[in-house]
Amino acid sequence: MGFVLAFLVALVATIVGTTLFLVRRERARRRWAGASEGLLIEQYRTAQAARIRYAYTSASMHHGNGLITDELHKHHS
């Protein structure tokens, strides 16, 4: 019985500790208002990568001629 109780206490302590850690980390991120430029750049690059993945699927690469040179330079600049 003692083992079960100790296990449950440890489990609850782990959940509470993880929750507190994540809440503190989120508050620390929100404090840095100056870092919004970096966040915008990251969001733009993520959206750009998603567009590239959608436009150049495996089927289109195997049945087409691949990236056009102009598009290659446009996406990697």
N, C-alpha and C. Protein backbone atom coordinates (compact mmCIF):
# COMPACT_ATOMS: atom_id res chain seq x y z
N MET A 1 0.82 -1.19 0.00
CA MET A 1 0.00 0.00 0.00
C MET A 1 0.87 1.26 0.00
N GLY A 2 1.95 1.19 0.74
CA GLY A 2 2.86 2.34 0.81
C GLY A 2 3.50 2.63 -0.55
N PHE A 3 3.81 1.56 -1.28
CA PHE A 3 4.41 1.74 -2.60
C PHE A 3 3.44 2.44 -3.56
N VAL A 4 2.19 2.02 -3.53
CA VAL A 4 1.18 2.62 -4.40
C VAL A 4 1.00 4.09 -4.06
N LEU A 5 0.94 4.41 -2.78
CA LEU A 5 0.79 5.79 -2.34
C LEU A 5 1.99 6.63 -2.77
N ALA A 6 3.20 6.10 -2.59
CA ALA A 6 4.41 6.82 -2.99
C ALA A 6 4.44 7.02 -4.50
N PHE A 7 4.00 6.02 -5.24
CA PHE A 7 3.96 6.15 -6.70
C PHE A 7 2.99 7.24 -7.12
N LEU A 8 1.81 7.27 -6.51
CA LEU A 8 0.82 8.30 -6.86
C LEU A 8 1.32 9.70 -6.49
N VAL A 9 1.97 9.83 -5.35
CA VAL A 9 2.53 11.13 -4.95
C VAL A 9 3.61 11.56 -5.93
N ALA A 10 4.46 10.65 -6.34
CA ALA A 10 5.50 10.97 -7.31
C ALA A 10 4.90 11.35 -8.66
N LEU A 11 3.84 10.66 -9.05
CA LEU A 11 3.19 10.97 -10.32
C LEU A 11 2.56 12.36 -10.29
N VAL A 12 1.88 12.69 -9.22
CA VAL A 12 1.27 14.02 -9.09
C VAL A 12 2.35 15.09 -9.04
N ALA A 13 3.44 14.84 -8.32
CA ALA A 13 4.54 15.81 -8.25
C ALA A 13 5.16 16.03 -9.63
N THR A 14 5.28 14.98 -10.40
CA THR A 14 5.83 15.11 -11.76
C THR A 14 4.91 15.94 -12.64
N ILE A 15 3.62 15.70 -12.55
CA ILE A 15 2.66 16.46 -13.36
C ILE A 15 2.66 17.93 -12.96
N VAL A 16 2.65 18.20 -11.67
CA VAL A 16 2.66 19.59 -11.19
C VAL A 16 3.97 20.28 -11.59
N GLY A 17 5.08 19.60 -11.44
CA GLY A 17 6.37 20.17 -11.81
C GLY A 17 6.46 20.49 -13.30
N THR A 18 5.98 19.58 -14.13
CA THR A 18 5.99 19.80 -15.57
C THR A 18 5.09 20.97 -15.95
N THR A 19 3.93 21.04 -15.32
CA THR A 19 3.00 22.14 -15.60
C THR A 19 3.63 23.48 -15.21
N LEU A 20 4.22 23.55 -14.04
CA LEU A 20 4.87 24.80 -13.62
C LEU A 20 6.00 25.19 -14.55
N PHE A 21 6.79 24.21 -14.96
CA PHE A 21 7.89 24.50 -15.89
C PHE A 21 7.37 25.08 -17.19
N LEU A 22 6.32 24.47 -17.75
CA LEU A 22 5.79 24.94 -19.02
C LEU A 22 5.14 26.32 -18.89
N VAL A 23 4.48 26.58 -17.79
CA VAL A 23 3.87 27.90 -17.57
C VAL A 23 4.95 28.96 -17.46
N ARG A 24 5.99 28.69 -16.71
CA ARG A 24 7.09 29.66 -16.57
C ARG A 24 7.78 29.92 -17.91
N ARG A 25 7.97 28.86 -18.68
CA ARG A 25 8.63 29.02 -19.98
C ARG A 25 7.78 29.88 -20.91
N GLU A 26 6.47 29.67 -20.91
CA GLU A 26 5.58 30.47 -21.75
C GLU A 26 5.57 31.93 -21.31
N ARG A 27 5.57 32.18 -20.02
CA ARG A 27 5.62 33.57 -19.54
C ARG A 27 6.92 34.24 -19.94
N ALA A 28 8.02 33.50 -19.87
CA ALA A 28 9.32 34.06 -20.26
C ALA A 28 9.33 34.40 -21.74
N ARG A 29 8.69 33.58 -22.56
CA ARG A 29 8.64 33.87 -23.99
C ARG A 29 7.83 35.12 -24.27
N ARG A 30 6.74 35.29 -23.55
CA ARG A 30 5.88 36.45 -23.77
C ARG A 30 6.53 37.75 -23.33
N ARG A 31 7.45 37.67 -22.37
CA ARG A 31 8.13 38.88 -21.90
C ARG A 31 9.02 39.50 -22.96
N TRP A 32 9.57 38.70 -23.83
CA TRP A 32 10.48 39.20 -24.85
C TRP A 32 9.69 39.70 -26.05
N ALA A 33 9.18 40.92 -25.95
CA ALA A 33 8.40 41.50 -27.04
C ALA A 33 9.29 41.83 -28.24
N GLY A 34 10.57 42.08 -27.99
CA GLY A 34 11.50 42.41 -29.06
C GLY A 34 11.82 41.23 -29.96
N ALA A 35 11.51 40.05 -29.51
CA ALA A 35 11.81 38.85 -30.30
C ALA A 35 10.71 38.54 -31.31
N SER A 36 9.75 39.44 -31.44
CA SER A 36 8.65 39.17 -32.37
C SER A 36 9.12 39.15 -33.82
N GLU A 37 10.17 39.89 -34.11
CA GLU A 37 10.70 39.89 -35.48
C GLU A 37 11.22 38.50 -35.85
N GLY A 38 11.92 37.87 -34.93
CA GLY A 38 12.41 36.52 -35.17
C GLY A 38 11.27 35.53 -35.33
N LEU A 39 10.21 35.72 -34.55
CA LEU A 39 9.05 34.85 -34.65
C LEU A 39 8.38 35.01 -36.01
N LEU A 40 8.28 36.25 -36.48
CA LEU A 40 7.68 36.49 -37.80
C LEU A 40 8.50 35.85 -38.91
N ILE A 41 9.81 35.94 -38.80
CA ILE A 41 10.68 35.32 -39.80
C ILE A 41 10.50 33.81 -39.77
N GLU A 42 10.45 33.23 -38.57
CA GLU A 42 10.26 31.79 -38.46
C GLU A 42 8.92 31.36 -39.05
N GLN A 43 7.85 32.11 -38.79
CA GLN A 43 6.54 31.78 -39.33
C GLN A 43 6.55 31.88 -40.86
N TYR A 44 7.22 32.89 -41.39
CA TYR A 44 7.30 33.06 -42.84
C TYR A 44 8.04 31.89 -43.48
N ARG A 45 9.17 31.50 -42.88
CA ARG A 45 9.96 30.39 -43.44
C ARG A 45 9.19 29.07 -43.35
N THR A 46 8.44 28.88 -42.27
CA THR A 46 7.64 27.66 -42.13
C THR A 46 6.56 27.61 -43.20
N ALA A 47 5.88 28.74 -43.41
CA ALA A 47 4.84 28.80 -44.44
C ALA A 47 5.45 28.59 -45.83
N GLN A 48 6.62 29.17 -46.06
CA GLN A 48 7.30 29.01 -47.34
C GLN A 48 7.66 27.54 -47.58
N ALA A 49 8.17 26.87 -46.55
CA ALA A 49 8.52 25.46 -46.69
C ALA A 49 7.27 24.61 -46.95
N ALA A 50 6.16 24.97 -46.32
CA ALA A 50 4.92 24.23 -46.55
C ALA A 50 4.44 24.40 -47.98
N ARG A 51 4.57 25.61 -48.52
CA ARG A 51 4.18 25.84 -49.92
C ARG A 51 5.06 25.03 -50.86
N ILE A 52 6.33 24.98 -50.58
CA ILE A 52 7.25 24.23 -51.44
C ILE A 52 6.92 22.74 -51.37
N ARG A 53 6.67 22.22 -50.15
CA ARG A 53 6.32 20.80 -50.02
C ARG A 53 5.04 20.49 -50.76
N TYR A 54 4.07 21.40 -50.73
CA TYR A 54 2.80 21.17 -51.41
C TYR A 54 2.96 21.24 -52.92
N ALA A 55 3.75 22.20 -53.39
CA ALA A 55 3.89 22.40 -54.83
C ALA A 55 4.76 21.32 -55.48
N TYR A 56 5.75 20.84 -54.76
CA TYR A 56 6.69 19.89 -55.34
C TYR A 56 6.59 18.55 -54.62
N THR A 57 5.48 17.86 -54.85
CA THR A 57 5.29 16.54 -54.24
C THR A 57 6.17 15.52 -54.94
N SER A 58 6.24 14.35 -54.37
CA SER A 58 7.05 13.28 -54.95
C SER A 58 6.55 12.92 -56.35
N ALA A 59 5.23 12.89 -56.51
CA ALA A 59 4.68 12.53 -57.82
C ALA A 59 5.03 13.58 -58.87
N SER A 60 4.96 14.85 -58.51
CA SER A 60 5.28 15.88 -59.50
C SER A 60 6.77 15.89 -59.83
N MET A 61 7.62 15.51 -58.89
CA MET A 61 9.05 15.47 -59.16
C MET A 61 9.41 14.29 -60.06
N HIS A 62 8.74 13.17 -59.88
CA HIS A 62 9.06 11.99 -60.68
C HIS A 62 8.43 12.04 -62.07
N HIS A 63 7.36 12.81 -62.23
CA HIS A 63 6.69 12.88 -63.52
C HIS A 63 6.90 14.21 -64.23
N GLY A 64 7.70 15.05 -63.67
CA GLY A 64 7.96 16.35 -64.29
C GLY A 64 9.45 16.54 -64.47
N ASN A 65 9.83 17.77 -64.71
CA ASN A 65 11.25 18.05 -64.90
C ASN A 65 11.88 18.68 -63.65
N GLY A 66 11.19 18.69 -62.51
CA GLY A 66 11.78 19.17 -61.27
C GLY A 66 11.68 20.67 -61.13
N LEU A 67 12.57 21.20 -60.33
CA LEU A 67 12.57 22.64 -60.08
C LEU A 67 13.09 23.40 -61.28
N ILE A 68 12.43 24.47 -61.58
CA ILE A 68 12.91 25.36 -62.61
C ILE A 68 13.98 26.24 -61.97
N THR A 69 15.00 26.57 -62.71
CA THR A 69 16.14 27.30 -62.15
C THR A 69 15.71 28.59 -61.48
N ASP A 70 14.79 29.35 -62.07
CA ASP A 70 14.35 30.60 -61.46
C ASP A 70 13.66 30.35 -60.13
N GLU A 71 12.87 29.30 -60.03
CA GLU A 71 12.18 28.99 -58.79
C GLU A 71 13.16 28.54 -57.73
N LEU A 72 14.19 27.83 -58.12
CA LEU A 72 15.19 27.37 -57.16
C LEU A 72 15.86 28.55 -56.49
N HIS A 73 16.22 29.57 -57.26
CA HIS A 73 16.87 30.75 -56.69
C HIS A 73 15.88 31.58 -55.89
N LYS A 74 14.62 31.60 -56.30
CA LYS A 74 13.62 32.39 -55.59
C LYS A 74 13.38 31.81 -54.20
N HIS A 75 13.33 30.49 -54.06
CA HIS A 75 13.01 29.88 -52.78
C HIS A 75 14.19 29.83 -51.84
N HIS A 76 15.39 29.89 -52.32
CA HIS A 76 16.55 29.79 -51.45
C HIS A 76 17.23 31.12 -51.20
N SER A 77 16.65 32.20 -51.63
CA SER A 77 17.28 33.49 -51.38
C SER A 77 16.82 34.09 -50.10
